[in-house]
Protein backbone atom coordinates (compact mmCIF):
# COMPACT_ATOMS: atom_id res chain seq x y z
CA MET A 1 0.00 0.00 0.00
CA ASP A 2 1.22 3.51 -0.83
CA ALA A 3 2.69 5.30 2.21
CA ASN A 4 0.79 8.48 1.23
CA PHE A 5 -2.53 6.66 0.94
CA PHE A 6 -3.83 8.12 4.20
CA ASP A 7 -2.31 11.59 3.81
CA LEU A 8 -5.39 13.79 3.75
CA SER A 9 -5.35 17.50 3.01
CA ASP A 10 -7.93 20.08 4.02
CA ASP A 11 -9.33 19.75 0.49
CA THR A 12 -9.87 15.98 0.62
CA PRO A 13 -13.62 15.26 0.47
CA VAL A 14 -14.34 12.80 3.29
CA TYR A 15 -17.51 13.83 5.15
CA VAL A 16 -20.96 12.69 4.02
CA ILE A 17 -23.69 15.31 4.18
CA SER A 18 -25.05 14.23 7.57
CA VAL A 19 -21.61 14.53 9.19
CA ALA A 20 -20.90 17.82 7.40
CA ALA A 21 -24.23 19.16 8.65
CA GLN A 22 -23.33 18.25 12.22
CA LEU A 23 -19.84 19.73 11.97
CA SER A 24 -21.10 22.96 10.43
CA GLY A 25 -24.18 23.30 12.62
CA LEU A 26 -26.45 23.48 9.59
CA HIS A 27 -29.32 21.34 8.36
CA PRO A 28 -28.52 18.95 5.48
CA GLN A 29 -31.14 20.70 3.33
CA THR A 30 -29.28 23.98 3.88
CA LEU A 31 -26.08 22.33 2.64
CA ARG A 32 -27.92 21.14 -0.47
CA GLN A 33 -29.21 24.67 -1.07
CA TYR A 34 -25.73 26.16 -0.66
CA ASP A 35 -24.43 23.60 -3.17
CA ARG A 36 -27.16 24.52 -5.68
CA LEU A 37 -26.35 28.23 -5.24
CA GLY A 38 -22.63 27.60 -5.70
CA LEU A 39 -21.61 28.78 -2.24
CA VAL A 40 -19.84 25.47 -1.60
CA SER A 41 -18.87 22.78 -4.09
CA PRO A 42 -18.49 19.43 -2.34
CA GLY A 43 -16.89 16.45 -3.99
CA ARG A 44 -19.07 13.60 -5.24
CA THR A 45 -19.15 9.88 -4.67
CA ALA A 46 -19.55 7.47 -7.58
CA GLY A 47 -23.29 7.49 -6.80
CA ARG A 48 -23.33 11.32 -6.91
CA GLY A 49 -23.62 11.75 -3.14
CA ARG A 50 -21.96 14.80 -1.66
CA LEU A 51 -18.63 14.53 0.16
CA TYR A 52 -17.39 17.56 2.08
CA SER A 53 -13.81 18.47 2.94
CA THR A 54 -12.53 20.21 6.05
CA ARG A 55 -12.17 23.36 3.95
CA ASP A 56 -15.84 23.03 2.94
CA ILE A 57 -16.85 22.79 6.61
CA VAL A 58 -14.90 25.96 7.42
CA LEU A 59 -16.54 27.68 4.45
CA LEU A 60 -20.02 26.58 5.58
CA ARG A 61 -19.36 28.03 9.03
CA GLU A 62 -18.22 31.30 7.43
CA VAL A 63 -21.39 31.47 5.33
CA GLN A 64 -23.45 30.93 8.46
CA ARG A 65 -21.48 33.60 10.36
CA LEU A 66 -21.86 36.18 7.59
CA SER A 67 -25.57 35.46 7.38
CA GLN A 68 -26.38 35.39 11.08
CA GLU A 69 -23.96 37.91 12.57
CA HIS A 70 -23.91 40.43 9.73
CA GLY A 71 -27.30 39.87 8.11
CA ILE A 72 -25.81 39.43 4.64
CA ASN A 73 -28.03 37.66 2.13
CA LEU A 74 -26.80 34.63 0.19
CA ALA A 75 -26.15 36.59 -3.01
CA GLY A 76 -23.98 39.01 -1.03
CA ILE A 77 -22.16 36.15 0.66
CA LYS A 78 -21.49 34.53 -2.70
CA ARG A 79 -20.00 37.79 -3.98
CA ILE A 80 -17.86 38.19 -0.84
CA LEU A 81 -16.51 34.65 -1.26
CA GLU A 82 -15.76 35.28 -4.94
CA LEU A 83 -13.91 38.48 -4.08
CA GLU A 84 -11.92 36.76 -1.31
CA THR A 85 -10.91 34.00 -3.74
CA GLU A 86 -9.88 36.55 -6.36
CA ASN A 87 -7.98 38.54 -3.72
CA MET A 88 -6.05 35.41 -2.68
CA ARG A 89 -5.25 34.57 -6.31
CA LEU A 90 -3.99 38.11 -6.93
CA ARG A 91 -1.84 38.06 -3.77
CA GLU A 92 -0.24 34.81 -4.92
CA GLU A 93 0.40 36.31 -8.36
CA VAL A 94 1.96 39.44 -6.82
CA ALA A 95 4.23 37.25 -4.67
CA ARG A 96 5.28 35.27 -7.74
CA LEU A 97 5.95 38.43 -9.74
CA ARG A 98 7.96 39.93 -6.88
CA GLY A 99 10.12 36.83 -6.90
CA GLU A 100 10.65 37.15 -10.65
CA LEU A 101 11.46 40.85 -10.28
CA THR A 102 14.00 40.10 -7.56
CA MET A 103 15.63 37.52 -9.84
CA MET A 104 15.70 39.95 -12.79
CA ARG A 105 17.25 42.68 -10.63
CA ALA A 106 19.91 40.25 -9.46
CA LEU A 107 20.65 39.28 -13.07
CA VAL A 108 20.96 42.92 -14.11
CA ARG A 109 23.01 43.92 -11.05
CA TYR A 110 25.53 41.12 -11.49
CA GLU A 111 25.30 41.13 -15.27
CA LEU A 112 24.66 37.43 -15.27
CA PRO A 113 23.47 35.90 -18.50
CA PRO A 114 19.84 34.79 -18.37
CA ALA A 115 19.31 31.11 -17.66
């Protein structure tokens, strides 16, 4: 058996809907609705059943928090989540570009030929 067989990440879908509902404090029907609206996208079993990851559970709790504590409707929550995802992607791109810029400056400063 592969040594990494049981290495699970936060993105590994492992929780069936009843367990995910318990962990998130939401009703299973609410999880189904959030899936239909695109707020969370759980994995699927071969029989098309939903499987939730730890990251999905955290996201479900955040949706609930935004709704209950801040009174934000589901469309607003969806937009917030989209913007947070885009923000994270852009931060990663900026970090990558900074690394490239640092390398280019080093090449110019030391007049090294490009690789």
